Each structure stands twice: as C-alpha cells, then as structure tokens.
Amino acid sequence: KIWGLTYVDYAYVAQARDASIQGDNAFEFRRIYLGYDQDISDQFSARVLIEANKLDTTTSGVMSFFAKQAYLEWKNPLPMANIFIGLLPTPSFTNAEKIWGYRSLEKVILDRMGLVATSEMGVGVRGKIVPDGSLGYALMVGNGNGGKLENDRYKKIYGEFDYEPVKGGVLELYGDYENGSNGQAKLTGKGLFGYQSAAVSFGVEGFFRNVQHGTFQPNGASSDSNLVGASANTSFQIAGNIRVVLRGDFFDSDFLVKDSGLREVFAVAGLDFAPAKDVHLIPNALYTQRLYKKKVTTDPAL
C-alpha cells in the first residue's frame, strides 16, 4: 500500500512582539508524508515513511525529504506482542496524538516543546497484557538521538502502560530515561487521560522532566532543571461534518526556580469542516504568551 498525507497552510501573523514579522503571511506546506506499507508474510510486515516539512530545507531554501520511519514488524513472537526493529515511532505520543487528533494544527505538548523524539533508531515491543486488549504496554530501547545517527555510547529507555476503562477511553502512564557521561541524565514521566467518540473527544495530560546538571552540562557545572507542563484539549461535533476544536497548554522551564526563566501559555481554537472523507478545512487561531518570572529591562521579541 502506498499512501500520502499533506498539511497545507495559509498563515497570517496578526500580532507579535517583534513588529517586523507582524503582518507576515504565506501559503505553505507544513508537512508532506509519503508512506509505503508491505505485508511480507503472516508474521512480518514493513513500513517506510518519508517526510518533508517547512523546518527542513536545502541550502537553496526548498523543502527536503528525510527518513521518518523505516522498520520491520515481527508479529507475535511473544504472547500477544509484536516486536519492531529499525527507525520506529517512540511510545511517547501514540495515545496522546490519537485523542488530540489534530496534528495538522499543532503537535502534542512533549513534541511541541521538543523534549521527546517522535521516531528513533532502536528496538521495541508493543503488546497486550490481558486477552481482551484493555490493558497494554510498550517498551523500547533507542539511541536517544531521534532520526539522526548515533553520536555516543549511551541509550534511551522508554516504557508505557495503558488501560481502556471504557470503549474509546484511555488511561496512560509513560516514562523515559536517558543517561550520559559524567553523571548526566534525563528522566521524564507523563500521565494521560482521554476519551474519543464520533461526537466528542477530550484529553488531559501532564508531564515532569528532571535534567541532572541543567541541560546535559558536565557533572557539577549547574544544578538540575525540573520542567513541568500540562495540556487539555477537546473537540465536538456541532453539525454532520463540522467540529469545534479547542486546546490549551502550560509549560514551566524550571518550576523550582522562581526568579529566572519563563512560563509559557499556548492556546489553539479552530473549526474543522470536512467536505469529504479525509479532506479537512480548518480555519484556526494560535496564541502563545511567554511570562517571565523576573521582570527584565528589555523584553525580548519572541
């Protein structure tokens, strides 16, 4: 099966601290996906997915394609579990993105803040703990460098457990750990609760991350950083092919530090009109406000 997906924007900057970009507008492809899925046998299947987006361009300024996923899936070598090998999706966002449902508008919070990679080179297992499928898990070991080539000897470990209390509902606990040289380490934990149906969906997630010695600085060079964030979203049907979409995020770059750093509030509101299956027109507004914990003489343009 060959398949594709595109996000096409017309964006207008209505208000900005930096007056030089206020009024900027553009037609652009935000993302282009081209995927190929192959059933090799009853036990094995494979996927190759390439992506182009507006953030990755050539020196001449045009979008360039890169490998997003390229993995082999081995079905049921373990009881009620599949093994994945290659450049595969991390278990960080699967449930959050399903509940949110609008990656076309914005990434989920951990992805939006750039704290966890969406895909990574490694090996993973995803399975069910009970036969009815209501309790599941995912485990993965990866390079810790996203889709880039490995640049050190250390690895990142991911773990996720999810429970479906009712049809369409999900409770999830997630964590990852990445070590480094000289006592450096990053530890992330996340909780998610969500529900999705044809008429309405909503989700709430919150995360905490401890970074030993700031941002991977040498041992003792700086104190730990403690990041926190939360996100809540909903969408609901108001007509046969029209939905309202709402979301709000909060992020603190180090919640234990009161006199430096920043907090961020992000919000998005949109109206999803689907004139045909898999075609969505979504007028929307995005808002970001950065709140400085300590008043600065010059307010940087962000």
C-alpha atoms as a PDB file:
ATOM      1  CA  LYS A   1       0.000   0.000   0.000  1.00  0.00           C
ATOM      2  CA  ILE A   2       1.300   3.440  -0.958  1.00  0.00           C
ATOM      3  CA  TRP A   3      -0.250   6.353   0.905  1.00  0.00           C
ATOM      4  CA  GLY A   4       0.259  10.050   1.484  1.00  0.00           C
ATOM      5  CA  LEU A   5      -0.808  12.883   3.747  1.00  0.00           C
ATOM      6  CA  THR A   6      -0.291  16.647   3.476  1.00  0.00           C
ATOM      7  CA  TYR A   7      -0.899  19.662   5.724  1.00  0.00           C
ATOM      8  CA  VAL A   8      -1.294  22.851   3.684  1.00  0.00           C
ATOM      9  CA  ASP A   9      -1.439  26.252   5.418  1.00  0.00           C
ATOM     10  CA  TYR A  10      -2.237  29.810   4.725  1.00  0.00           C
ATOM     11  CA  ALA A  11      -0.821  31.584   7.796  1.00  0.00           C
ATOM     12  CA  TYR A  12      -1.074  35.243   8.806  1.00  0.00           C
ATOM     13  CA  VAL A  13       0.715  36.813  11.802  1.00  0.00           C
ATOM     14  CA  ALA A  14      -1.978  39.004  13.343  1.00  0.00           C
ATOM     15  CA  GLN A  15       0.023  40.159  16.385  1.00  0.00           C
ATOM     16  CA  ALA A  16       3.626  39.731  17.527  1.00  0.00           C
ATOM     17  CA  ARG A  17       6.105  41.274  19.942  1.00  0.00           C
ATOM     18  CA  ASP A  18       8.523  41.568  17.052  1.00  0.00           C
ATOM     19  CA  ALA A  19       6.882  44.279  14.937  1.00  0.00           C
ATOM     20  CA  SER A  20       8.968  43.299  11.916  1.00  0.00           C
ATOM     21  CA  ILE A  21       7.070  39.995  11.477  1.00  0.00           C
ATOM     22  CA  GLN A  22       3.586  41.325  12.262  1.00  0.00           C
ATOM     23  CA  GLY A  23       1.526  41.070   9.100  1.00  0.00           C
ATOM     24  CA  ASP A  24       3.723  38.374   7.567  1.00  0.00           C
ATOM     25  CA  ASN A  25       1.693  35.800   5.656  1.00  0.00           C
ATOM     26  CA  ALA A  26       2.365  32.801   3.451  1.00  0.00           C
ATOM     27  CA  PHE A  27       0.927  29.823   1.636  1.00  0.00           C
ATOM     28  CA  GLU A  28       2.994  26.785   2.557  1.00  0.00           C
ATOM     29  CA  PHE A  29       3.153  23.044   3.032  1.00  0.00           C
ATOM     30  CA  ARG A  30       3.664  22.423   6.712  1.00  0.00           C
ATOM     31  CA  ARG A  31       4.258  18.687   6.182  1.00  0.00           C
ATOM     32  CA  ILE A  32       4.197  16.152   3.369  1.00  0.00           C
ATOM     33  CA  TYR A  33       4.206  12.426   4.185  1.00  0.00           C
ATOM     34  CA  LEU A  34       4.728   9.619   1.660  1.00  0.00           C
ATOM     35  CA  GLY A  35       4.466   6.109   3.055  1.00  0.00           C
ATOM     36  CA  TYR A  36       4.774   2.525   1.853  1.00  0.00           C
ATOM     37  CA  ASP A  37       3.458  -0.487   3.836  1.00  0.00           C
ATOM     38  CA  GLN A  38       4.275  -4.062   2.843  1.00  0.00           C
ATOM     39  CA  ASP A  39       2.897  -7.334   4.244  1.00  0.00           C
ATOM     40  CA  ILE A  40       5.888  -9.661   3.755  1.00  0.00           C
ATOM     41  CA  SER A  41       4.252 -12.748   5.291  1.00  0.00           C
ATOM     42  CA  ASP A  42       1.784 -13.661   8.024  1.00  0.00           C
ATOM     43  CA  GLN A  43       4.494 -12.904  10.582  1.00  0.00           C
ATOM     44  CA  PHE A  44       6.335  -9.953   9.078  1.00  0.00           C
ATOM     45  CA  SER A  45       5.430  -6.542   7.693  1.00  0.00           C
ATOM     46  CA  ALA A  46       7.411  -3.380   6.981  1.00  0.00           C
ATOM     47  CA  ARG A  47       6.892   0.345   6.686  1.00  0.00           C
ATOM     48  CA  VAL A  48       8.923   3.109   5.056  1.00  0.00           C
ATOM     49  CA  LEU A  49       7.785   6.697   5.621  1.00  0.00           C
ATOM     50  CA  ILE A  50       9.490   9.808   4.296  1.00  0.00           C
ATOM     51  CA  GLU A  51       8.611  13.358   5.299  1.00  0.00           C
ATOM     52  CA  ALA A  52       9.247  16.891   4.119  1.00  0.00           C
ATOM     53  CA  ASN A  53       8.388  19.878   6.299  1.00  0.00           C
ATOM     54  CA  LYS A  54       8.954  23.610   6.322  1.00  0.00           C
ATOM     55  CA  LEU A  55      11.663  23.375   9.015  1.00  0.00           C
ATOM     56  CA  ASP A  56      13.960  21.111   6.988  1.00  0.00           C
ATOM     57  CA  THR A  57      15.142  22.777   3.798  1.00  0.00           C
ATOM     58  CA  THR A  58      18.080  22.556   1.417  1.00  0.00           C
ATOM     59  CA  THR A  59      20.655  25.347   1.085  1.00  0.00           C
ATOM     60  CA  SER A  60      18.554  26.768  -1.757  1.00  0.00           C
ATOM     61  CA  GLY A  61      15.546  27.042   0.586  1.00  0.00           C
ATOM     62  CA  VAL A  62      13.316  24.264  -0.784  1.00  0.00           C
ATOM     63  CA  MET A  63      11.812  21.509   1.377  1.00  0.00           C
ATOM     64  CA  SER A  64      13.819  18.286   1.527  1.00  0.00           C
ATOM     65  CA  PHE A  65      12.595  14.754   2.232  1.00  0.00           C
ATOM     66  CA  PHE A  66      14.126  12.633   5.003  1.00  0.00           C
ATOM     67  CA  ALA A  67      13.506   9.205   6.521  1.00  0.00           C
ATOM     68  CA  LYS A  68      10.810   9.462   9.212  1.00  0.00           C
ATOM     69  CA  GLN A  69      10.220   5.733   9.758  1.00  0.00           C
ATOM     70  CA  ALA A  70      11.751   2.563   8.319  1.00  0.00           C
ATOM     71  CA  TYR A  71      11.091  -0.557  10.354  1.00  0.00           C
ATOM     72  CA  LEU A  72      10.298  -4.260  10.335  1.00  0.00           C
ATOM     73  CA  GLU A  73       7.395  -5.571  12.441  1.00  0.00           C
ATOM     74  CA  TRP A  74       7.557  -9.156  13.710  1.00  0.00           C
ATOM     75  CA  LYS A  75       4.065 -10.302  14.736  1.00  0.00           C
ATOM     76  CA  ASN A  76       3.502 -12.415  17.839  1.00  0.00           C
ATOM     77  CA  PRO A  77       6.981 -13.814  18.555  1.00  0.00           C
ATOM     78  CA  LEU A  78       5.951 -13.188  22.181  1.00  0.00           C
ATOM     79  CA  PRO A  79       2.480 -13.889  23.600  1.00  0.00           C
ATOM     80  CA  MET A  80       0.104 -11.093  22.465  1.00  0.00           C
ATOM     81  CA  ALA A  81       3.054  -8.858  21.465  1.00  0.00           C
ATOM     82  CA  ASN A  82       4.817  -7.601  18.337  1.00  0.00           C
ATOM     83  CA  ILE A  83       8.491  -6.620  18.003  1.00  0.00           C
ATOM     84  CA  PHE A  84       9.636  -3.615  15.957  1.00  0.00           C
ATOM     85  CA  ILE A  85      13.190  -3.096  14.665  1.00  0.00           C
ATOM     86  CA  GLY A  86      14.615  -0.052  12.858  1.00  0.00           C
ATOM     87  CA  LEU A  87      13.644   3.613  12.739  1.00  0.00           C
ATOM     88  CA  LEU A  88      10.337   3.328  14.560  1.00  0.00           C
ATOM     89  CA  PRO A  89       7.819   5.540  16.398  1.00  0.00           C
ATOM     90  CA  THR A  90       8.670   6.027  20.070  1.00  0.00           C
ATOM     91  CA  PRO A  91       5.873   5.064  22.511  1.00  0.00           C
ATOM     92  CA  SER A  92       5.670   8.693  23.671  1.00  0.00           C
ATOM     93  CA  PHE A  93       2.783  10.099  21.637  1.00  0.00           C
ATOM     94  CA  THR A  94       0.627   7.295  20.209  1.00  0.00           C
ATOM     95  CA  ASN A  95      -2.308   7.707  22.599  1.00  0.00           C
ATOM     96  CA  ALA A  96      -1.915  11.479  23.033  1.00  0.00           C
ATOM     97  CA  GLU A  97      -1.985  12.106  19.274  1.00  0.00           C
ATOM     98  CA  LYS A  98      -4.970   9.773  18.815  1.00  0.00           C
ATOM     99  CA  ILE A  99      -7.007  11.594  21.471  1.00  0.00           C
ATOM    100  CA  TRP A 100      -5.923  15.066  20.292  1.00  0.00           C
ATOM    101  CA  GLY A 101      -6.500  14.126  16.650  1.00  0.00           C
ATOM    102  CA  TYR A 102      -5.233  17.413  15.183  1.00  0.00           C
ATOM    103  CA  ARG A 103      -1.520  17.140  14.478  1.00  0.00           C
ATOM    104  CA  SER A 104      -2.431  19.209  11.416  1.00  0.00           C
ATOM    105  CA  LEU A 105      -2.914  22.160  13.797  1.00  0.00           C
ATOM    106  CA  GLU A 106      -0.138  21.537  16.331  1.00  0.00           C
ATOM    107  CA  LYS A 107       1.979  18.779  17.853  1.00  0.00           C
ATOM    108  CA  VAL A 108       1.144  17.351  21.296  1.00  0.00           C
ATOM    109  CA  ILE A 109       2.919  19.162  24.134  1.00  0.00           C
ATOM    110  CA  LEU A 110       6.006  16.956  24.646  1.00  0.00           C
ATOM    111  CA  ASP A 111       6.606  17.020  20.903  1.00  0.00           C
ATOM    112  CA  ARG A 112       5.858  20.748  20.575  1.00  0.00           C
ATOM    113  CA  MET A 113       8.449  21.571  23.243  1.00  0.00           C
ATOM    114  CA  GLY A 114      10.994  19.308  21.536  1.00  0.00           C
ATOM    115  CA  LEU A 115      11.505  17.129  24.621  1.00  0.00           C
ATOM    116  CA  VAL A 116      10.985  13.668  23.088  1.00  0.00           C
ATOM    117  CA  ALA A 117      11.587  12.439  19.540  1.00  0.00           C
ATOM    118  CA  THR A 118       8.657  11.094  17.526  1.00  0.00           C
ATOM    119  CA  SER A 119      10.829   8.421  15.838  1.00  0.00           C
ATOM    120  CA  GLU A 120      14.101   6.798  16.802  1.00  0.00           C
ATOM    121  CA  MET A 121      16.531   4.059  15.779  1.00  0.00           C
ATOM    122  CA  GLY A 122      16.115   1.117  18.110  1.00  0.00           C
ATOM    123  CA  VAL A 123      14.108  -1.954  19.002  1.00  0.00           C
ATOM    124  CA  GLY A 124      10.706  -2.019  20.684  1.00  0.00           C
ATOM    125  CA  VAL A 125       7.877  -4.278  21.723  1.00  0.00           C
ATOM    126  CA  ARG A 126       4.182  -3.446  21.900  1.00  0.00           C
ATOM    127  CA  GLY A 127       1.582  -5.815  23.273  1.00  0.00           C
ATOM    128  CA  LYS A 128      -1.436  -6.564  25.421  1.00  0.00           C
ATOM    129  CA  ILE A 129      -1.375  -7.876  28.979  1.00  0.00           C
ATOM    130  CA  VAL A 130      -4.926  -9.307  29.021  1.00  0.00           C
ATOM    131  CA  PRO A 131      -6.710 -11.118  26.153  1.00  0.00           C
ATOM    132  CA  ASP A 132      -9.492  -8.522  25.758  1.00  0.00           C
ATOM    133  CA  GLY A 133      -6.849  -5.889  24.929  1.00  0.00           C
ATOM    134  CA  SER A 134      -7.953  -3.419  27.620  1.00  0.00           C
ATOM    135  CA  LEU A 135      -4.503  -3.385  29.268  1.00  0.00           C
ATOM    136  CA  GLY A 136      -1.449  -2.824  27.080  1.00  0.00           C
ATOM    137  CA  TYR A 137       2.185  -1.803  27.166  1.00  0.00           C
ATOM    138  CA  ALA A 138       5.104  -0.658  25.020  1.00  0.00           C
ATOM    139  CA  LEU A 139       8.835  -0.874  25.738  1.00  0.00           C
ATOM    140  CA  MET A 140      11.705   0.462  23.635  1.00  0.00           C
ATOM    141  CA  VAL A 141      15.475   0.949  23.680  1.00  0.00           C
ATOM    142  CA  GLY A 142      16.822   3.571  21.288  1.00  0.00           C
ATOM    143  CA  ASN A 143      19.862   5.684  20.516  1.00  0.00           C
ATOM    144  CA  GLY A 144      18.389   8.782  22.173  1.00  0.00           C
ATOM    145  CA  ASN A 145      19.159  10.877  19.097  1.00  0.00           C
ATOM    146  CA  GLY A 146      15.894  10.760  17.155  1.00  0.00           C
ATOM    147  CA  GLY A 147      16.341  10.019  13.468  1.00  0.00           C
ATOM    148  CA  LYS A 148      19.942  11.260  13.476  1.00  0.00           C
ATOM    149  CA  LEU A 149      22.980   8.987  13.527  1.00  0.00           C
ATOM    150  CA  GLU A 150      24.198   7.856  16.950  1.00  0.00           C
ATOM    151  CA  ASN A 151      26.886  10.123  18.407  1.00  0.00           C
ATOM    152  CA  ASP A 152      27.666   8.469  21.766  1.00  0.00           C
ATOM    153  CA  ARG A 153      27.617   5.084  23.529  1.00  0.00           C
ATOM    154  CA  TYR A 154      24.549   5.799  25.669  1.00  0.00           C
ATOM    155  CA  LYS A 155      20.982   4.667  25.102  1.00  0.00           C
ATOM    156  CA  LYS A 156      17.454   5.824  25.957  1.00  0.00           C
ATOM    157  CA  ILE A 157      14.830   3.558  27.541  1.00  0.00           C
ATOM    158  CA  TYR A 158      11.078   4.093  27.043  1.00  0.00           C
ATOM    159  CA  GLY A 159       8.145   2.498  28.859  1.00  0.00           C
ATOM    160  CA  GLU A 160       4.376   2.945  28.518  1.00  0.00           C
ATOM    161  CA  PHE A 161       1.314   1.272  30.059  1.00  0.00           C
ATOM    162  CA  ASP A 162      -2.274   1.994  29.014  1.00  0.00           C
ATOM    163  CA  TYR A 163      -5.701   0.924  30.207  1.00  0.00           C
ATOM    164  CA  GLU A 164      -9.051   1.228  28.420  1.00  0.00           C
ATOM    165  CA  PRO A 165     -11.662   1.606  31.191  1.00  0.00           C
ATOM    166  CA  VAL A 166     -14.499   2.082  28.654  1.00  0.00           C
ATOM    167  CA  LYS A 167     -14.681   1.841  24.884  1.00  0.00           C
ATOM    168  CA  GLY A 168     -12.896   4.896  23.488  1.00  0.00           C
ATOM    169  CA  GLY A 169     -11.287   5.817  26.823  1.00  0.00           C
ATOM    170  CA  VAL A 170      -7.622   5.593  27.803  1.00  0.00           C
ATOM    171  CA  LEU A 171      -5.533   5.981  30.952  1.00  0.00           C
ATOM    172  CA  GLU A 172      -1.798   6.048  30.302  1.00  0.00           C
ATOM    173  CA  LEU A 173       1.418   6.168  32.320  1.00  0.00           C
ATOM    174  CA  TYR A 174       4.626   6.864  30.430  1.00  0.00           C
ATOM    175  CA  GLY A 175       8.291   7.297  31.311  1.00  0.00           C
ATOM    176  CA  ASP A 176      11.694   7.501  29.661  1.00  0.00           C
ATOM    177  CA  TYR A 177      15.268   7.630  30.921  1.00  0.00           C
ATOM    178  CA  GLU A 178      18.381   8.766  29.079  1.00  0.00           C
ATOM    179  CA  ASN A 179      21.839   8.671  30.631  1.00  0.00           C
ATOM    180  CA  GLY A 180      25.071  10.357  29.593  1.00  0.00           C
ATOM    181  CA  SER A 181      28.677  10.757  30.657  1.00  0.00           C
ATOM    182  CA  ASN A 182      29.779  12.288  33.990  1.00  0.00           C
ATOM    183  CA  GLY A 183      26.509  11.583  35.771  1.00  0.00           C
ATOM    184  CA  GLN A 184      24.295  13.366  33.257  1.00  0.00           C
ATOM    185  CA  ALA A 185      20.743  12.043  32.930  1.00  0.00           C
ATOM    186  CA  LYS A 186      17.230  12.952  31.820  1.00  0.00           C
ATOM    187  CA  LEU A 187      14.143  11.399  33.409  1.00  0.00           C
ATOM    188  CA  THR A 188      10.637  12.071  32.082  1.00  0.00           C
ATOM    189  CA  GLY A 189       7.249  10.972  33.426  1.00  0.00           C
ATOM    190  CA  LYS A 190       3.803  11.588  31.949  1.00  0.00           C
ATOM    191  CA  GLY A 191       0.183  10.793  32.721  1.00  0.00           C
ATOM    192  CA  LEU A 192      -2.732  10.936  30.253  1.00  0.00           C
ATOM    193  CA  PHE A 193      -6.483  10.561  30.490  1.00  0.00           C
ATOM    194  CA  GLY A 194      -8.651  10.804  27.388  1.00  0.00           C
ATOM    195  CA  TYR A 195     -11.835   9.764  25.656  1.00  0.00           C
ATOM    196  CA  GLN A 196     -12.751   9.723  21.979  1.00  0.00           C
ATOM    197  CA  SER A 197     -16.003   9.071  20.136  1.00  0.00           C
ATOM    198  CA  ALA A 198     -17.579  10.228  16.890  1.00  0.00           C
ATOM    199  CA  ALA A 199     -19.427  13.048  18.668  1.00  0.00           C
ATOM    200  CA  VAL A 200     -16.869  14.264  21.218  1.00  0.00           C
ATOM    201  CA  SER A 201     -13.300  13.792  22.384  1.00  0.00           C
ATOM    202  CA  PHE A 202     -11.291  15.244  25.257  1.00  0.00           C
ATOM    203  CA  GLY A 203      -7.909  14.666  26.800  1.00  0.00           C
ATOM    204  CA  VAL A 204      -5.726  15.882  29.664  1.00  0.00           C
ATOM    205  CA  GLU A 205      -2.021  15.132  30.043  1.00  0.00           C
ATOM    206  CA  GLY A 206       0.722  16.367  32.315  1.00  0.00           C
ATOM    207  CA  PHE A 207       4.455  15.703  32.406  1.00  0.00           C
ATOM    208  CA  PHE A 208       7.526  16.227  34.577  1.00  0.00           C
ATOM    209  CA  ARG A 209      11.154  16.107  33.464  1.00  0.00           C
ATOM    210  CA  ASN A 210      14.287  16.218  35.600  1.00  0.00           C
ATOM    211  CA  VAL A 211      17.535  17.058  33.800  1.00  0.00           C
ATOM    212  CA  GLN A 212      20.566  16.411  36.003  1.00  0.00           C
ATOM    213  CA  HIS A 213      23.074  19.275  35.779  1.00  0.00           C
ATOM    214  CA  GLY A 214      20.855  21.556  33.736  1.00  0.00           C
ATOM    215  CA  THR A 215      20.967  20.835  30.037  1.00  0.00           C
ATOM    216  CA  PHE A 216      23.469  17.951  29.987  1.00  0.00           C
ATOM    217  CA  GLN A 217      26.359  20.052  31.289  1.00  0.00           C
ATOM    218  CA  PRO A 218      29.382  18.387  32.946  1.00  0.00           C
ATOM    219  CA  ASN A 219      28.858  16.972  36.427  1.00  0.00           C
ATOM    220  CA  GLY A 220      28.558  19.774  38.964  1.00  0.00           C
ATOM    221  CA  ALA A 221      28.583  22.565  36.357  1.00  0.00           C
ATOM    222  CA  SER A 222      24.974  23.531  37.016  1.00  0.00           C
ATOM    223  CA  SER A 223      22.057  22.492  39.169  1.00  0.00           C
ATOM    224  CA  ASP A 224      19.254  20.235  37.988  1.00  0.00           C
ATOM    225  CA  SER A 225      16.436  21.560  35.824  1.00  0.00           C
ATOM    226  CA  ASN A 226      12.866  20.498  36.591  1.00  0.00           C
ATOM    227  CA  LEU A 227      10.465  21.054  33.719  1.00  0.00           C
ATOM    228  CA  VAL A 228       6.687  20.670  34.005  1.00  0.00           C
ATOM    229  CA  GLY A 229       3.856  21.007  31.526  1.00  0.00           C
ATOM    230  CA  ALA A 230       0.185  20.240  31.058  1.00  0.00           C
ATOM    231  CA  SER A 231      -2.233  20.194  28.151  1.00  0.00           C
ATOM    232  CA  ALA A 232      -6.019  19.901  27.835  1.00  0.00           C
ATOM    233  CA  ASN A 233      -7.998  19.563  24.611  1.00  0.00           C
ATOM    234  CA  THR A 234     -11.463  18.849  23.325  1.00  0.00           C
ATOM    235  CA  SER A 235     -13.298  18.620  20.030  1.00  0.00           C
ATOM    236  CA  PHE A 236     -17.012  18.126  19.498  1.00  0.00           C
ATOM    237  CA  GLN A 237     -19.413  17.811  16.625  1.00  0.00           C
ATOM    238  CA  ILE A 238     -21.825  20.708  16.025  1.00  0.00           C
ATOM    239  CA  ALA A 239     -23.105  19.501  12.629  1.00  0.00           C
ATOM    240  CA  GLY A 240     -22.730  16.422  10.464  1.00  0.00           C
ATOM    241  CA  ASN A 241     -19.329  17.450   9.095  1.00  0.00           C
ATOM    242  CA  ILE A 242     -18.288  20.345  11.380  1.00  0.00           C
ATOM    243  CA  ARG A 243     -16.404  20.117  14.683  1.00  0.00           C
ATOM    244  CA  VAL A 244     -15.134  22.708  17.154  1.00  0.00           C
ATOM    245  CA  VAL A 245     -11.511  22.203  18.274  1.00  0.00           C
ATOM    246  CA  LEU A 246     -10.051  23.745  21.462  1.00  0.00           C
ATOM    247  CA  ARG A 247      -6.765  23.257  23.310  1.00  0.00           C
ATOM    248  CA  GLY A 248      -4.654  24.947  25.988  1.00  0.00           C
ATOM    249  CA  ASP A 249      -1.064  24.209  27.171  1.00  0.00           C
ATOM    250  CA  PHE A 250       1.066  25.370  30.103  1.00  0.00           C
ATOM    251  CA  PHE A 251       4.836  24.940  30.355  1.00  0.00           C
ATOM    252  CA  ASP A 252       7.405  25.949  33.006  1.00  0.00           C
ATOM    253  CA  SER A 253      11.086  25.614  32.083  1.00  0.00           C
ATOM    254  CA  ASP A 254      12.074  25.041  35.750  1.00  0.00           C
ATOM    255  CA  PHE A 255       9.266  25.152  38.297  1.00  0.00           C
ATOM    256  CA  LEU A 256      11.628  25.177  41.314  1.00  0.00           C
ATOM    257  CA  VAL A 257      13.261  28.441  40.163  1.00  0.00           C
ATOM    258  CA  LYS A 258      11.093  31.468  40.946  1.00  0.00           C
ATOM    259  CA  ASP A 259      13.274  34.417  39.887  1.00  0.00           C
ATOM    260  CA  SER A 260      14.517  33.442  36.410  1.00  0.00           C
ATOM    261  CA  GLY A 261      13.344  31.587  33.328  1.00  0.00           C
ATOM    262  CA  LEU A 262       9.883  31.662  31.854  1.00  0.00           C
ATOM    263  CA  ARG A 263       6.467  30.105  31.769  1.00  0.00           C
ATOM    264  CA  GLU A 264       4.527  29.676  28.564  1.00  0.00           C
ATOM    265  CA  VAL A 265       0.804  29.603  27.828  1.00  0.00           C
ATOM    266  CA  PHE A 266      -0.321  28.286  24.457  1.00  0.00           C
ATOM    267  CA  ALA A 267      -3.843  28.007  23.029  1.00  0.00           C
ATOM    268  CA  VAL A 268      -5.473  26.987  19.771  1.00  0.00           C
ATOM    269  CA  ALA A 269      -9.084  27.232  18.611  1.00  0.00           C
ATOM    270  CA  GLY A 270     -10.407  26.013  15.278  1.00  0.00           C
ATOM    271  CA  LEU A 271     -13.411  24.912  13.264  1.00  0.00           C
ATOM    272  CA  ASP A 272     -12.988  21.643  11.371  1.00  0.00           C
ATOM    273  CA  PHE A 273     -15.101  21.392   8.202  1.00  0.00           C
ATOM    274  CA  ALA A 274     -14.858  18.043   6.380  1.00  0.00           C
ATOM    275  CA  PRO A 275     -16.466  18.338   2.907  1.00  0.00           C
ATOM    276  CA  ALA A 276     -15.281  14.806   2.029  1.00  0.00           C
ATOM    277  CA  LYS A 277     -13.660  11.834   3.748  1.00  0.00           C
ATOM    278  CA  ASP A 278     -10.025  12.635   4.614  1.00  0.00           C
ATOM    279  CA  VAL A 279     -10.357  16.261   3.449  1.00  0.00           C
ATOM    280  CA  HIS A 280     -10.440  18.860   6.242  1.00  0.00           C
ATOM    281  CA  LEU A 281     -10.590  22.653   6.024  1.00  0.00           C
ATOM    282  CA  ILE A 282      -9.718  24.054   9.471  1.00  0.00           C
ATOM    283  CA  PRO A 283      -9.657  27.837   9.992  1.00  0.00           C
ATOM    284  CA  ASN A 284      -7.892  28.340  13.318  1.00  0.00           C
ATOM    285  CA  ALA A 285      -6.095  30.798  15.584  1.00  0.00           C
ATOM    286  CA  LEU A 286      -2.976  30.053  17.660  1.00  0.00           C
ATOM    287  CA  TYR A 287      -1.859  32.124  20.621  1.00  0.00           C
ATOM    288  CA  THR A 288       1.410  31.976  22.587  1.00  0.00           C
ATOM    289  CA  GLN A 289       2.262  34.088  25.645  1.00  0.00           C
ATOM    290  CA  ARG A 290       5.630  33.835  27.408  1.00  0.00           C
ATOM    291  CA  LEU A 291       5.571  35.018  31.017  1.00  0.00           C
ATOM    292  CA  TYR A 292       8.932  35.954  32.503  1.00  0.00           C
ATOM    293  CA  LYS A 293       9.337  35.049  36.180  1.00  0.00           C
ATOM    294  CA  LYS A 294      11.554  38.074  36.764  1.00  0.00           C
ATOM    295  CA  LYS A 295      10.929  41.413  35.130  1.00  0.00           C
ATOM    296  CA  VAL A 296      13.577  42.177  32.513  1.00  0.00           C
ATOM    297  CA  THR A 297      14.630  45.641  31.388  1.00  0.00           C
ATOM    298  CA  THR A 298      14.286  44.809  27.747  1.00  0.00           C
ATOM    299  CA  ASP A 299      11.512  42.436  26.807  1.00  0.00           C
ATOM    300  CA  PRO A 300      12.996  40.153  24.122  1.00  0.00           C
ATOM    301  CA  ALA A 301      10.972  39.718  20.963  1.00  0.00           C
ATOM    302  CA  LEU A 302       9.822  36.075  20.934  1.00  0.00           C
END
